[in-house]
Amino acid sequence: LTLDVHLLSAEGYRVNGSNEWYRAAASSPAIDKGDPNDGVRDEMPGHNGGVINLGAYGGTRGASQTAQAESIKFQTENFRSQKFVSKGGFVVWNLRDGWPTVSDAFTDYYGEKKLAYHAIRSVQHDQLVMLRDDHGAWAVNDRRHPVKGHAKFTDRASGRTVFEKAYDVPANAAAELGRVTWKGQGVLDIAYEQGGFSAKNWFLYGEPPFRLADVRRWFK
């Protein structure tokens, strides 16, 4: 079953993966009913009505892709922090769409990488530091020998360091580094060096829902 969730518009709209421009007999009630403060973003000039649309395609295709990317990244990190606990694991199986469709695949039918592709790739290193929604900071070491590391957690908006620690991780194991506190919503940047490997990670914190305008500002 192939679904299309673009809003119908008398000004014109696109169908999944198509470059053709269609016009509907009448517009959806969600057309131009978004937050006026969000602007029209990437909606087509001359046909956007001056106000962002509601829904996943309001202003950008990235709205729905951001939710997917953060969800898949969160699940991957959560399972990796529980290395060897209760025989749990996470298998990535839907890498590519077999036809034009709305789905949870990481690349679409036309070979374009979605945001989830890049998000999950960023947390597949054999050395990884992450933060969970229970406020626990964790380090994972997939090598067959112990490693030393150093991690620093910084609030992206304020630049304030909220957690920093030097630590050791046993061979082929996960270790909890401590607890990190936060208030409201935002993004924490995680810079770490572990076992001679340096990388950066991030954590989207706070209770949902998130305003798309805020997420755009944090990840710009």
N, C-alpha and C. Protein backbone atom coordinates (compact mmCIF):
# COMPACT_ATOMS: atom_id res chain seq x y z
N LEU A 1 0.85 -1.20 0.00
CA LEU A 1 0.00 0.00 0.00
C LEU A 1 0.88 1.24 0.00
N THR A 2 0.71 2.11 -0.97
CA THR A 2 1.46 3.36 -1.04
C THR A 2 0.56 4.50 -0.60
N LEU A 3 1.02 5.25 0.39
CA LEU A 3 0.23 6.35 0.94
C LEU A 3 0.89 7.66 0.58
N ASP A 4 0.09 8.70 0.45
CA ASP A 4 0.63 10.04 0.25
C ASP A 4 -0.05 10.95 1.26
N VAL A 5 0.77 11.67 2.04
CA VAL A 5 0.19 12.50 3.10
C VAL A 5 0.40 13.99 2.84
N HIS A 6 0.72 14.37 1.60
CA HIS A 6 0.78 15.79 1.27
C HIS A 6 -0.63 16.39 1.35
N LEU A 7 -0.71 17.63 1.82
CA LEU A 7 -2.00 18.31 1.86
C LEU A 7 -2.45 18.66 0.45
N LEU A 8 -3.75 18.52 0.19
CA LEU A 8 -4.31 18.95 -1.11
C LEU A 8 -4.43 20.47 -1.11
N SER A 9 -4.02 21.07 -2.21
CA SER A 9 -4.04 22.52 -2.30
C SER A 9 -4.48 22.96 -3.68
N ALA A 10 -5.35 23.96 -3.71
CA ALA A 10 -5.78 24.52 -4.99
C ALA A 10 -4.64 25.30 -5.65
N GLU A 11 -3.64 25.70 -4.86
CA GLU A 11 -2.47 26.39 -5.40
C GLU A 11 -1.47 25.41 -6.00
N GLY A 12 -1.58 24.13 -5.60
CA GLY A 12 -0.68 23.12 -6.12
C GLY A 12 0.01 22.33 -5.03
N TYR A 13 0.34 21.07 -5.31
CA TYR A 13 1.03 20.20 -4.35
C TYR A 13 1.77 19.11 -5.12
N ARG A 14 2.70 18.46 -4.45
CA ARG A 14 3.44 17.38 -5.07
C ARG A 14 3.01 16.04 -4.47
N VAL A 15 3.16 14.98 -5.26
CA VAL A 15 2.91 13.62 -4.80
C VAL A 15 4.27 12.97 -4.55
N ASN A 16 4.28 11.96 -3.65
CA ASN A 16 5.53 11.32 -3.22
C ASN A 16 6.56 11.17 -4.33
N GLY A 17 7.75 11.77 -4.12
CA GLY A 17 8.88 11.57 -5.02
C GLY A 17 8.71 12.15 -6.42
N SER A 18 7.61 12.81 -6.70
CA SER A 18 7.34 13.30 -8.04
C SER A 18 7.77 14.76 -8.18
N ASN A 19 8.21 15.13 -9.36
CA ASN A 19 8.53 16.52 -9.66
C ASN A 19 7.36 17.23 -10.32
N GLU A 20 6.25 16.51 -10.49
CA GLU A 20 5.09 17.10 -11.13
C GLU A 20 4.28 17.91 -10.12
N TRP A 21 3.66 18.97 -10.60
CA TRP A 21 2.90 19.89 -9.78
C TRP A 21 1.41 19.70 -10.06
N TYR A 22 0.65 19.28 -9.03
CA TYR A 22 -0.78 19.00 -9.18
C TYR A 22 -1.60 20.10 -8.52
N ARG A 23 -2.81 20.29 -8.99
CA ARG A 23 -3.73 21.24 -8.37
C ARG A 23 -5.02 20.52 -7.99
N ALA A 24 -5.47 20.77 -6.75
CA ALA A 24 -6.71 20.16 -6.27
C ALA A 24 -7.88 21.11 -6.50
N ALA A 25 -9.08 20.52 -6.54
CA ALA A 25 -10.28 21.34 -6.74
C ALA A 25 -10.52 22.24 -5.53
N ALA A 26 -10.10 21.78 -4.33
CA ALA A 26 -10.26 22.56 -3.11
C ALA A 26 -9.06 22.28 -2.20
N SER A 27 -8.77 23.20 -1.32
CA SER A 27 -7.62 23.05 -0.42
C SER A 27 -8.00 22.38 0.89
N SER A 28 -7.06 21.65 1.46
CA SER A 28 -7.24 21.07 2.78
C SER A 28 -7.41 22.17 3.83
N PRO A 29 -8.21 21.93 4.89
CA PRO A 29 -8.35 22.94 5.95
C PRO A 29 -7.06 23.19 6.72
N ALA A 30 -6.05 22.34 6.53
CA ALA A 30 -4.77 22.52 7.22
C ALA A 30 -3.81 23.44 6.46
N ILE A 31 -4.19 23.83 5.24
CA ILE A 31 -3.37 24.74 4.45
C ILE A 31 -3.33 26.11 5.14
N ASP A 32 -2.11 26.66 5.33
CA ASP A 32 -1.90 27.99 5.91
C ASP A 32 -2.47 28.13 7.31
N LYS A 33 -2.54 27.02 8.07
CA LYS A 33 -3.10 27.08 9.43
C LYS A 33 -2.03 26.77 10.49
N GLY A 34 -0.76 26.88 10.13
CA GLY A 34 0.31 26.67 11.10
C GLY A 34 0.58 27.92 11.92
N ASP A 35 1.64 27.88 12.73
CA ASP A 35 2.02 29.02 13.56
C ASP A 35 2.59 30.12 12.66
N PRO A 36 1.98 31.31 12.63
CA PRO A 36 2.47 32.39 11.77
C PRO A 36 3.91 32.78 12.10
N ASN A 37 4.33 32.53 13.36
CA ASN A 37 5.69 32.90 13.78
C ASN A 37 6.75 31.96 13.19
N ASP A 38 6.33 30.82 12.64
CA ASP A 38 7.29 29.87 12.08
C ASP A 38 7.73 30.25 10.67
N GLY A 39 7.00 31.17 10.02
CA GLY A 39 7.34 31.52 8.64
C GLY A 39 6.96 30.40 7.69
N VAL A 40 7.17 30.60 6.41
CA VAL A 40 6.78 29.58 5.42
C VAL A 40 7.92 28.61 5.11
N ARG A 41 9.13 28.94 5.60
CA ARG A 41 10.30 28.06 5.41
C ARG A 41 10.51 27.72 3.93
N ASP A 42 10.42 26.42 3.61
CA ASP A 42 10.77 25.97 2.27
C ASP A 42 9.55 25.74 1.37
N GLU A 43 8.37 26.21 1.80
CA GLU A 43 7.21 26.06 0.94
C GLU A 43 7.41 26.90 -0.32
N MET A 44 6.84 26.43 -1.43
CA MET A 44 7.14 27.02 -2.74
C MET A 44 6.78 28.50 -2.81
N PRO A 45 7.75 29.36 -3.17
CA PRO A 45 7.48 30.80 -3.32
C PRO A 45 6.36 31.05 -4.32
N GLY A 46 5.51 32.01 -3.98
CA GLY A 46 4.41 32.36 -4.88
C GLY A 46 3.18 31.50 -4.72
N HIS A 47 3.32 30.38 -3.97
CA HIS A 47 2.18 29.48 -3.78
C HIS A 47 1.99 29.10 -2.31
N ASN A 48 2.66 29.81 -1.40
CA ASN A 48 2.65 29.38 0.00
C ASN A 48 1.63 30.09 0.89
N GLY A 49 0.93 31.09 0.36
CA GLY A 49 -0.10 31.77 1.13
C GLY A 49 0.42 32.65 2.24
N GLY A 50 1.72 32.68 2.45
CA GLY A 50 2.30 33.54 3.47
C GLY A 50 2.30 32.98 4.87
N VAL A 51 1.67 31.79 5.07
CA VAL A 51 1.62 31.17 6.40
C VAL A 51 1.95 29.68 6.24
N ILE A 52 2.73 29.14 7.16
CA ILE A 52 3.14 27.74 7.10
C ILE A 52 1.93 26.80 7.22
N ASN A 53 1.97 25.66 6.54
CA ASN A 53 0.91 24.66 6.64
C ASN A 53 1.08 23.82 7.91
N LEU A 54 0.01 23.20 8.34
CA LEU A 54 0.07 22.22 9.42
C LEU A 54 0.58 20.89 8.86
N GLY A 55 1.04 20.00 9.73
CA GLY A 55 1.39 18.65 9.32
C GLY A 55 2.87 18.45 9.06
N ALA A 56 3.20 17.18 8.74
CA ALA A 56 4.60 16.78 8.56
C ALA A 56 5.28 17.55 7.45
N TYR A 57 4.54 17.96 6.41
CA TYR A 57 5.14 18.65 5.29
C TYR A 57 5.02 20.17 5.41
N GLY A 58 4.56 20.65 6.55
CA GLY A 58 4.45 22.08 6.76
C GLY A 58 5.81 22.75 6.78
N GLY A 59 6.13 23.52 5.75
CA GLY A 59 7.38 24.24 5.70
C GLY A 59 8.57 23.42 5.24
N THR A 60 8.54 22.14 5.48
CA THR A 60 9.70 21.32 5.12
C THR A 60 9.39 19.84 5.24
N ARG A 61 10.04 19.04 4.42
CA ARG A 61 9.91 17.60 4.55
C ARG A 61 10.67 17.11 5.78
N GLY A 62 11.55 17.96 6.34
CA GLY A 62 12.36 17.55 7.48
C GLY A 62 11.59 17.40 8.77
N ALA A 63 10.35 17.90 8.84
CA ALA A 63 9.60 17.81 10.09
C ALA A 63 9.39 16.37 10.51
N SER A 64 8.86 15.53 9.63
CA SER A 64 8.63 14.14 9.97
C SER A 64 9.93 13.37 10.05
N GLN A 65 10.91 13.74 9.21
CA GLN A 65 12.19 13.02 9.22
C GLN A 65 12.96 13.26 10.52
N THR A 66 12.82 14.45 11.11
CA THR A 66 13.49 14.73 12.38
C THR A 66 12.95 13.83 13.48
N ALA A 67 11.64 13.67 13.53
CA ALA A 67 11.03 12.79 14.55
C ALA A 67 11.52 11.36 14.38
N GLN A 68 11.58 10.89 13.14
CA GLN A 68 12.05 9.53 12.88
C GLN A 68 13.51 9.38 13.28
N ALA A 69 14.35 10.35 12.91
CA ALA A 69 15.77 10.27 13.19
C ALA A 69 16.04 10.23 14.69
N GLU A 70 15.39 11.11 15.45
CA GLU A 70 15.61 11.14 16.89
C GLU A 70 15.09 9.87 17.56
N SER A 71 13.98 9.34 17.06
CA SER A 71 13.41 8.11 17.63
C SER A 71 14.34 6.92 17.43
N ILE A 72 14.84 6.74 16.20
CA ILE A 72 15.72 5.62 15.90
C ILE A 72 17.05 5.76 16.65
N LYS A 73 17.57 6.97 16.70
CA LYS A 73 18.81 7.22 17.43
C LYS A 73 18.63 6.89 18.91
N PHE A 74 17.52 7.33 19.50
CA PHE A 74 17.22 7.07 20.91
C PHE A 74 17.16 5.57 21.19
N GLN A 75 16.47 4.83 20.33
CA GLN A 75 16.34 3.38 20.55
C GLN A 75 17.69 2.68 20.44
N THR A 76 18.50 3.09 19.46
CA THR A 76 19.81 2.48 19.29
C THR A 76 20.70 2.72 20.51
N GLU A 77 20.73 3.96 20.97
CA GLU A 77 21.55 4.30 22.14
C GLU A 77 21.06 3.57 23.39
N ASN A 78 19.75 3.49 23.55
CA ASN A 78 19.19 2.83 24.72
C ASN A 78 19.62 1.36 24.80
N PHE A 79 19.55 0.65 23.67
CA PHE A 79 19.95 -0.75 23.67
C PHE A 79 21.47 -0.90 23.84
N ARG A 80 22.24 0.00 23.24
CA ARG A 80 23.69 -0.11 23.36
C ARG A 80 24.14 0.15 24.80
N SER A 81 23.44 1.02 25.52
CA SER A 81 23.80 1.27 26.92
C SER A 81 23.47 0.07 27.81
N GLN A 82 22.62 -0.84 27.31
CA GLN A 82 22.26 -2.04 28.06
C GLN A 82 22.97 -3.27 27.48
N LYS A 83 24.20 -3.08 27.09
CA LYS A 83 24.99 -4.14 26.47
C LYS A 83 24.98 -5.40 27.32
N PHE A 84 24.52 -6.51 26.74
CA PHE A 84 24.45 -7.83 27.37
C PHE A 84 23.41 -7.93 28.50
N VAL A 85 22.57 -6.92 28.67
CA VAL A 85 21.53 -6.98 29.70
C VAL A 85 20.27 -7.61 29.11
N SER A 86 19.79 -8.66 29.73
CA SER A 86 18.54 -9.34 29.34
C SER A 86 18.54 -9.76 27.87
N LYS A 87 19.73 -9.98 27.31
CA LYS A 87 19.86 -10.45 25.93
C LYS A 87 19.14 -9.54 24.94
N GLY A 88 19.08 -8.25 25.22
CA GLY A 88 18.41 -7.30 24.35
C GLY A 88 19.29 -6.88 23.20
N GLY A 89 18.67 -6.31 22.16
CA GLY A 89 19.42 -5.84 21.02
C GLY A 89 18.53 -5.06 20.08
N PHE A 90 19.14 -4.49 19.06
CA PHE A 90 18.41 -3.66 18.11
C PHE A 90 18.92 -3.97 16.71
N VAL A 91 18.04 -4.40 15.83
CA VAL A 91 18.41 -4.77 14.47
C VAL A 91 17.82 -3.78 13.47
N VAL A 92 18.68 -3.19 12.66
CA VAL A 92 18.22 -2.29 11.60
C VAL A 92 17.91 -3.12 10.37
N TRP A 93 16.66 -3.12 9.94
CA TRP A 93 16.29 -3.99 8.81
C TRP A 93 15.71 -3.23 7.63
N ASN A 94 15.02 -2.12 7.89
CA ASN A 94 14.36 -1.41 6.78
C ASN A 94 15.24 -0.27 6.31
N LEU A 95 16.29 -0.62 5.57
CA LEU A 95 17.25 0.39 5.14
C LEU A 95 16.76 1.21 3.97
N ARG A 96 16.04 0.57 3.02
CA ARG A 96 15.67 1.27 1.78
C ARG A 96 14.26 0.90 1.34
N ASP A 97 13.53 1.89 0.86
CA ASP A 97 12.19 1.65 0.33
C ASP A 97 12.27 0.91 -1.00
N GLY A 98 11.34 -0.02 -1.22
CA GLY A 98 11.27 -0.75 -2.48
C GLY A 98 10.41 -0.07 -3.51
N TRP A 99 9.68 0.97 -3.10
CA TRP A 99 8.83 1.73 -4.00
C TRP A 99 8.55 3.09 -3.35
N PRO A 100 8.10 4.09 -4.08
CA PRO A 100 7.79 5.39 -3.48
C PRO A 100 6.68 5.24 -2.44
N THR A 101 6.97 5.57 -1.20
CA THR A 101 6.00 5.37 -0.12
C THR A 101 6.40 6.16 1.11
N VAL A 102 5.48 6.31 2.04
CA VAL A 102 5.77 6.88 3.36
C VAL A 102 6.11 5.73 4.29
N SER A 103 7.32 5.68 4.81
CA SER A 103 7.72 4.54 5.63
C SER A 103 8.83 4.93 6.59
N ASP A 104 9.32 3.93 7.34
CA ASP A 104 10.39 4.18 8.30
C ASP A 104 11.76 3.77 7.75
N ALA A 105 11.87 3.58 6.44
CA ALA A 105 13.17 3.25 5.85
C ALA A 105 14.13 4.43 6.01
N PHE A 106 15.44 4.15 5.95
CA PHE A 106 16.44 5.18 6.14
C PHE A 106 16.85 5.87 4.84
N THR A 107 16.64 5.22 3.72
CA THR A 107 16.84 5.86 2.42
C THR A 107 15.58 5.62 1.59
N ASP A 108 15.21 6.59 0.77
CA ASP A 108 13.98 6.43 0.01
C ASP A 108 14.21 5.65 -1.28
N TYR A 109 13.15 5.46 -2.01
CA TYR A 109 13.19 4.68 -3.25
C TYR A 109 14.19 5.25 -4.26
N TYR A 110 14.38 6.57 -4.21
CA TYR A 110 15.24 7.24 -5.17
C TYR A 110 16.70 7.30 -4.71
N GLY A 111 16.99 6.65 -3.56
CA GLY A 111 18.37 6.58 -3.07
C GLY A 111 18.78 7.75 -2.20
N GLU A 112 17.85 8.65 -1.90
CA GLU A 112 18.19 9.81 -1.06
C GLU A 112 18.22 9.39 0.41
N LYS A 113 19.29 9.74 1.10
CA LYS A 113 19.43 9.40 2.53
C LYS A 113 18.56 10.33 3.37
N LYS A 114 17.72 9.74 4.22
CA LYS A 114 16.90 10.53 5.13
C LYS A 114 17.73 10.92 6.35
N LEU A 115 17.18 11.80 7.19
CA LEU A 115 17.90 12.23 8.39
C LEU A 115 18.23 11.06 9.31
N ALA A 116 17.36 10.05 9.33
CA ALA A 116 17.58 8.90 10.21
C ALA A 116 18.85 8.15 9.83
N TYR A 117 19.19 8.12 8.54
CA TYR A 117 20.41 7.45 8.08
C TYR A 117 21.63 8.06 8.76
N HIS A 118 21.70 9.38 8.76
CA HIS A 118 22.85 10.07 9.34
C HIS A 118 22.83 9.97 10.87
N ALA A 119 21.63 10.01 11.47
CA ALA A 119 21.53 9.93 12.92
C ALA A 119 22.01 8.58 13.44
N ILE A 120 21.55 7.50 12.82
CA ILE A 120 21.93 6.18 13.30
C ILE A 120 23.39 5.87 12.99
N ARG A 121 23.90 6.41 11.87
CA ARG A 121 25.31 6.22 11.56
C ARG A 121 26.20 6.85 12.63
N SER A 122 25.75 7.97 13.20
CA SER A 122 26.55 8.69 14.19
C SER A 122 26.69 7.93 15.51
N VAL A 123 25.83 6.94 15.74
CA VAL A 123 25.90 6.19 17.01
C VAL A 123 26.27 4.73 16.79
N GLN A 124 27.00 4.45 15.70
CA GLN A 124 27.43 3.08 15.41
C GLN A 124 28.94 2.88 15.62
N HIS A 125 29.63 3.85 16.19
CA HIS A 125 31.05 3.70 16.46
C HIS A 125 31.26 2.64 17.56
N ASP A 126 32.44 2.01 17.55
CA ASP A 126 32.71 1.03 18.61
C ASP A 126 33.00 1.71 19.95
N GLN A 127 33.23 3.03 19.91
CA GLN A 127 33.35 3.83 21.13
C GLN A 127 32.24 4.88 21.09
N LEU A 128 31.40 4.90 22.10
CA LEU A 128 30.24 5.80 22.08
C LEU A 128 29.91 6.29 23.48
N VAL A 129 29.62 7.58 23.57
CA VAL A 129 29.11 8.18 24.81
C VAL A 129 27.74 8.75 24.51
N MET A 130 26.78 8.51 25.39
CA MET A 130 25.39 8.89 25.14
C MET A 130 24.71 9.32 26.42
N LEU A 131 23.51 9.85 26.27
CA LEU A 131 22.67 10.24 27.40
C LEU A 131 21.29 9.66 27.19
N ARG A 132 20.73 9.11 28.27
CA ARG A 132 19.39 8.52 28.20
C ARG A 132 18.37 9.44 28.87
N ASP A 133 17.09 9.21 28.58
CA ASP A 133 16.07 10.09 29.13
C ASP A 133 15.85 9.88 30.62
N ASP A 134 16.47 8.86 31.22
CA ASP A 134 16.42 8.70 32.67
C ASP A 134 17.56 9.46 33.35
N HIS A 135 18.24 10.33 32.58
CA HIS A 135 19.32 11.21 33.04
C HIS A 135 20.65 10.49 33.23
N GLY A 136 20.74 9.25 32.82
CA GLY A 136 21.99 8.52 32.94
C GLY A 136 22.90 8.75 31.75
N ALA A 137 24.18 9.09 32.03
CA ALA A 137 25.19 9.21 30.99
C ALA A 137 25.95 7.89 30.92
N TRP A 138 26.13 7.37 29.69
CA TRP A 138 26.74 6.06 29.51
C TRP A 138 27.85 6.10 28.47
N ALA A 139 28.83 5.20 28.65
CA ALA A 139 29.89 5.00 27.68
C ALA A 139 29.91 3.53 27.28
N VAL A 140 30.06 3.26 25.98
CA VAL A 140 30.09 1.89 25.47
C VAL A 140 31.44 1.64 24.80
N ASN A 141 32.02 0.50 25.12
CA ASN A 141 33.29 0.08 24.54
C ASN A 141 33.11 -1.30 23.92
N ASP A 142 33.17 -1.39 22.58
CA ASP A 142 33.00 -2.66 21.88
C ASP A 142 34.32 -3.38 21.61
N ARG A 143 35.40 -2.84 22.10
CA ARG A 143 36.70 -3.48 21.88
C ARG A 143 36.96 -4.55 22.94
N ARG A 144 37.94 -5.41 22.66
CA ARG A 144 38.22 -6.52 23.56
C ARG A 144 39.29 -6.20 24.59
N HIS A 145 39.44 -4.91 24.88
CA HIS A 145 40.35 -4.49 25.94
C HIS A 145 39.79 -3.22 26.59
N PRO A 146 40.13 -2.96 27.85
CA PRO A 146 39.63 -1.77 28.54
C PRO A 146 40.13 -0.49 27.88
N VAL A 147 39.36 0.59 28.03
CA VAL A 147 39.77 1.89 27.48
C VAL A 147 39.52 2.98 28.52
N LYS A 148 40.25 4.07 28.36
CA LYS A 148 40.03 5.26 29.17
C LYS A 148 39.35 6.31 28.31
N GLY A 149 38.60 7.19 28.96
CA GLY A 149 37.90 8.21 28.21
C GLY A 149 37.69 9.48 28.98
N HIS A 150 37.26 10.50 28.26
CA HIS A 150 36.91 11.79 28.87
C HIS A 150 35.73 12.35 28.08
N ALA A 151 34.68 12.77 28.78
CA ALA A 151 33.47 13.28 28.13
C ALA A 151 33.05 14.61 28.74
N LYS A 152 32.51 15.47 27.90
CA LYS A 152 32.02 16.77 28.33
C LYS A 152 30.66 17.04 27.72
N PHE A 153 29.67 17.36 28.56
CA PHE A 153 28.31 17.62 28.12
C PHE A 153 28.04 19.13 28.26
N THR A 154 27.63 19.76 27.15
CA THR A 154 27.43 21.20 27.13
C THR A 154 26.05 21.55 26.59
N ASP A 155 25.37 22.47 27.25
CA ASP A 155 24.07 22.92 26.75
C ASP A 155 24.29 23.79 25.51
N ARG A 156 23.65 23.42 24.41
CA ARG A 156 23.89 24.09 23.13
C ARG A 156 23.47 25.55 23.15
N ALA A 157 22.38 25.86 23.81
CA ALA A 157 21.86 27.23 23.80
C ALA A 157 22.70 28.17 24.66
N SER A 158 23.06 27.73 25.86
CA SER A 158 23.77 28.61 26.80
C SER A 158 25.28 28.45 26.77
N GLY A 159 25.76 27.30 26.24
CA GLY A 159 27.19 27.03 26.25
C GLY A 159 27.70 26.57 27.60
N ARG A 160 26.81 26.34 28.54
CA ARG A 160 27.19 25.95 29.90
C ARG A 160 27.52 24.46 29.97
N THR A 161 28.64 24.12 30.62
CA THR A 161 29.01 22.72 30.84
C THR A 161 28.17 22.16 31.98
N VAL A 162 27.41 21.10 31.71
CA VAL A 162 26.52 20.53 32.73
C VAL A 162 27.07 19.25 33.33
N PHE A 163 28.07 18.64 32.66
CA PHE A 163 28.66 17.40 33.18
C PHE A 163 29.99 17.17 32.47
N GLU A 164 31.00 16.75 33.24
CA GLU A 164 32.30 16.44 32.66
C GLU A 164 32.97 15.39 33.52
N LYS A 165 33.59 14.40 32.87
CA LYS A 165 34.19 13.31 33.65
C LYS A 165 35.24 12.55 32.85
N ALA A 166 36.31 12.14 33.56
CA ALA A 166 37.29 11.18 33.05
C ALA A 166 36.90 9.82 33.62
N TYR A 167 37.05 8.75 32.85
CA TYR A 167 36.51 7.46 33.28
C TYR A 167 37.23 6.29 32.61
N ASP A 168 36.90 5.08 33.05
CA ASP A 168 37.40 3.84 32.46
C ASP A 168 36.21 2.98 32.08
N VAL A 169 36.32 2.28 30.96
CA VAL A 169 35.28 1.34 30.54
C VAL A 169 35.92 -0.04 30.36
N PRO A 170 35.37 -1.08 31.00
CA PRO A 170 35.93 -2.43 30.84
C PRO A 170 35.85 -2.92 29.40
N ALA A 171 36.54 -3.98 29.11
CA ALA A 171 36.52 -4.57 27.77
C ALA A 171 35.12 -5.03 27.39
N ASN A 172 34.69 -4.70 26.17
CA ASN A 172 33.42 -5.17 25.62
C ASN A 172 32.27 -4.98 26.61
N ALA A 173 32.10 -3.73 27.06
CA ALA A 173 31.12 -3.46 28.11
C ALA A 173 30.58 -2.04 27.99
N ALA A 174 29.56 -1.76 28.81
CA ALA A 174 29.00 -0.42 28.95
C ALA A 174 29.16 0.00 30.40
N ALA A 175 29.41 1.29 30.62
CA ALA A 175 29.59 1.79 31.98
C ALA A 175 28.80 3.09 32.16
N GLU A 176 28.09 3.20 33.27
CA GLU A 176 27.37 4.43 33.56
C GLU A 176 28.34 5.45 34.13
N LEU A 177 28.33 6.65 33.59
CA LEU A 177 29.27 7.69 34.00
C LEU A 177 28.74 8.56 35.11
N GLY A 178 27.42 8.69 35.21
CA GLY A 178 26.82 9.54 36.22
C GLY A 178 25.47 10.04 35.76
N ARG A 179 24.96 11.01 36.51
CA ARG A 179 23.64 11.57 36.23
C ARG A 179 23.78 12.99 35.73
N VAL A 180 22.97 13.34 34.73
CA VAL A 180 22.97 14.68 34.15
C VAL A 180 21.59 15.29 34.34
N THR A 181 21.54 16.50 34.82
CA THR A 181 20.25 17.16 35.06
C THR A 181 19.99 18.21 33.98
N TRP A 182 18.70 18.46 33.73
CA TRP A 182 18.29 19.51 32.79
C TRP A 182 16.90 19.98 33.13
N LYS A 183 16.55 21.15 32.63
CA LYS A 183 15.22 21.71 32.80
C LYS A 183 14.73 22.23 31.45
N GLY A 184 13.42 22.12 31.23
CA GLY A 184 12.86 22.62 29.99
C GLY A 184 13.20 21.74 28.81
N GLN A 185 13.41 22.36 27.65
CA GLN A 185 13.73 21.65 26.42
C GLN A 185 14.99 22.23 25.79
N GLY A 186 15.70 21.41 25.05
CA GLY A 186 16.90 21.89 24.39
C GLY A 186 17.76 20.74 23.89
N VAL A 187 19.01 21.03 23.59
CA VAL A 187 19.96 20.04 23.10
C VAL A 187 21.24 20.12 23.91
N LEU A 188 21.76 18.97 24.31
CA LEU A 188 23.06 18.89 24.95
C LEU A 188 24.06 18.32 23.94
N ASP A 189 25.18 18.99 23.79
CA ASP A 189 26.26 18.50 22.95
C ASP A 189 27.19 17.63 23.81
N ILE A 190 27.61 16.50 23.27
CA ILE A 190 28.47 15.56 23.98
C ILE A 190 29.76 15.40 23.18
N ALA A 191 30.85 15.91 23.71
CA ALA A 191 32.16 15.75 23.09
C ALA A 191 32.95 14.74 23.92
N TYR A 192 33.53 13.74 23.25
CA TYR A 192 34.25 12.72 24.01
C TYR A 192 35.46 12.20 23.25
N GLU A 193 36.43 11.73 24.05
CA GLU A 193 37.60 11.03 23.54
C GLU A 193 37.68 9.74 24.34
N GLN A 194 37.69 8.62 23.64
CA GLN A 194 37.63 7.32 24.31
C GLN A 194 38.44 6.30 23.53
N GLY A 195 39.41 5.71 24.17
CA GLY A 195 40.22 4.71 23.51
C GLY A 195 40.96 5.23 22.30
N GLY A 196 41.35 6.52 22.33
CA GLY A 196 42.04 7.11 21.20
C GLY A 196 41.12 7.58 20.08
N PHE A 197 39.82 7.44 20.28
CA PHE A 197 38.83 7.85 19.28
C PHE A 197 38.08 9.07 19.79
N SER A 198 37.99 10.12 18.96
CA SER A 198 37.29 11.35 19.33
C SER A 198 36.05 11.53 18.46
N ALA A 199 34.96 11.94 19.08
CA ALA A 199 33.71 12.13 18.33
C ALA A 199 32.78 13.05 19.11
N LYS A 200 31.66 13.39 18.48
CA LYS A 200 30.64 14.21 19.11
C LYS A 200 29.28 13.53 18.98
N ASN A 201 28.46 13.73 19.96
CA ASN A 201 27.09 13.21 19.95
C ASN A 201 26.19 14.33 20.47
N TRP A 202 24.89 14.09 20.50
CA TRP A 202 23.96 15.08 21.01
C TRP A 202 22.79 14.38 21.68
N PHE A 203 22.04 15.14 22.47
CA PHE A 203 20.86 14.60 23.14
C PHE A 203 19.78 15.67 23.15
N LEU A 204 18.62 15.35 22.58
CA LEU A 204 17.46 16.24 22.58
C LEU A 204 16.69 16.00 23.87
N TYR A 205 16.70 16.99 24.77
CA TYR A 205 16.10 16.78 26.10
C TYR A 205 14.80 17.56 26.26
N GLY A 206 13.99 17.09 27.22
CA GLY A 206 12.73 17.76 27.55
C GLY A 206 11.53 16.92 27.21
N GLU A 207 10.40 17.33 27.73
CA GLU A 207 9.15 16.62 27.50
C GLU A 207 8.52 17.06 26.18
N PRO A 208 8.09 16.11 25.34
CA PRO A 208 7.39 16.48 24.10
C PRO A 208 6.00 17.01 24.42
N PRO A 209 5.37 17.71 23.48
CA PRO A 209 5.83 17.93 22.09
C PRO A 209 6.84 19.07 21.98
N PHE A 210 7.62 19.03 20.87
CA PHE A 210 8.58 20.08 20.58
C PHE A 210 8.06 20.92 19.42
N ARG A 211 8.26 22.23 19.50
CA ARG A 211 7.91 23.10 18.38
C ARG A 211 8.96 22.96 17.29
N LEU A 212 8.50 22.81 16.05
CA LEU A 212 9.41 22.65 14.93
C LEU A 212 10.37 23.83 14.83
N ALA A 213 9.88 25.04 15.12
CA ALA A 213 10.74 26.22 15.05
C ALA A 213 11.88 26.12 16.05
N ASP A 214 11.63 25.58 17.24
CA ASP A 214 12.68 25.41 18.25
C ASP A 214 13.70 24.39 17.80
N VAL A 215 13.22 23.26 17.28
CA VAL A 215 14.13 22.20 16.83
C VAL A 215 15.01 22.71 15.70
N ARG A 216 14.43 23.46 14.79
CA ARG A 216 15.21 24.05 13.70
C ARG A 216 16.31 24.95 14.24
N ARG A 217 15.98 25.74 15.25
CA ARG A 217 16.96 26.67 15.83
C ARG A 217 18.10 25.92 16.51
N TRP A 218 17.75 24.85 17.24
CA TRP A 218 18.78 24.08 17.95
C TRP A 218 19.71 23.34 17.01
N PHE A 219 19.19 22.88 15.86
CA PHE A 219 19.99 22.05 14.96
C PHE A 219 20.49 22.79 13.72
N LYS A 220 20.34 24.09 13.69
CA LYS A 220 20.75 24.83 12.49
C LYS A 220 22.28 24.82 12.34
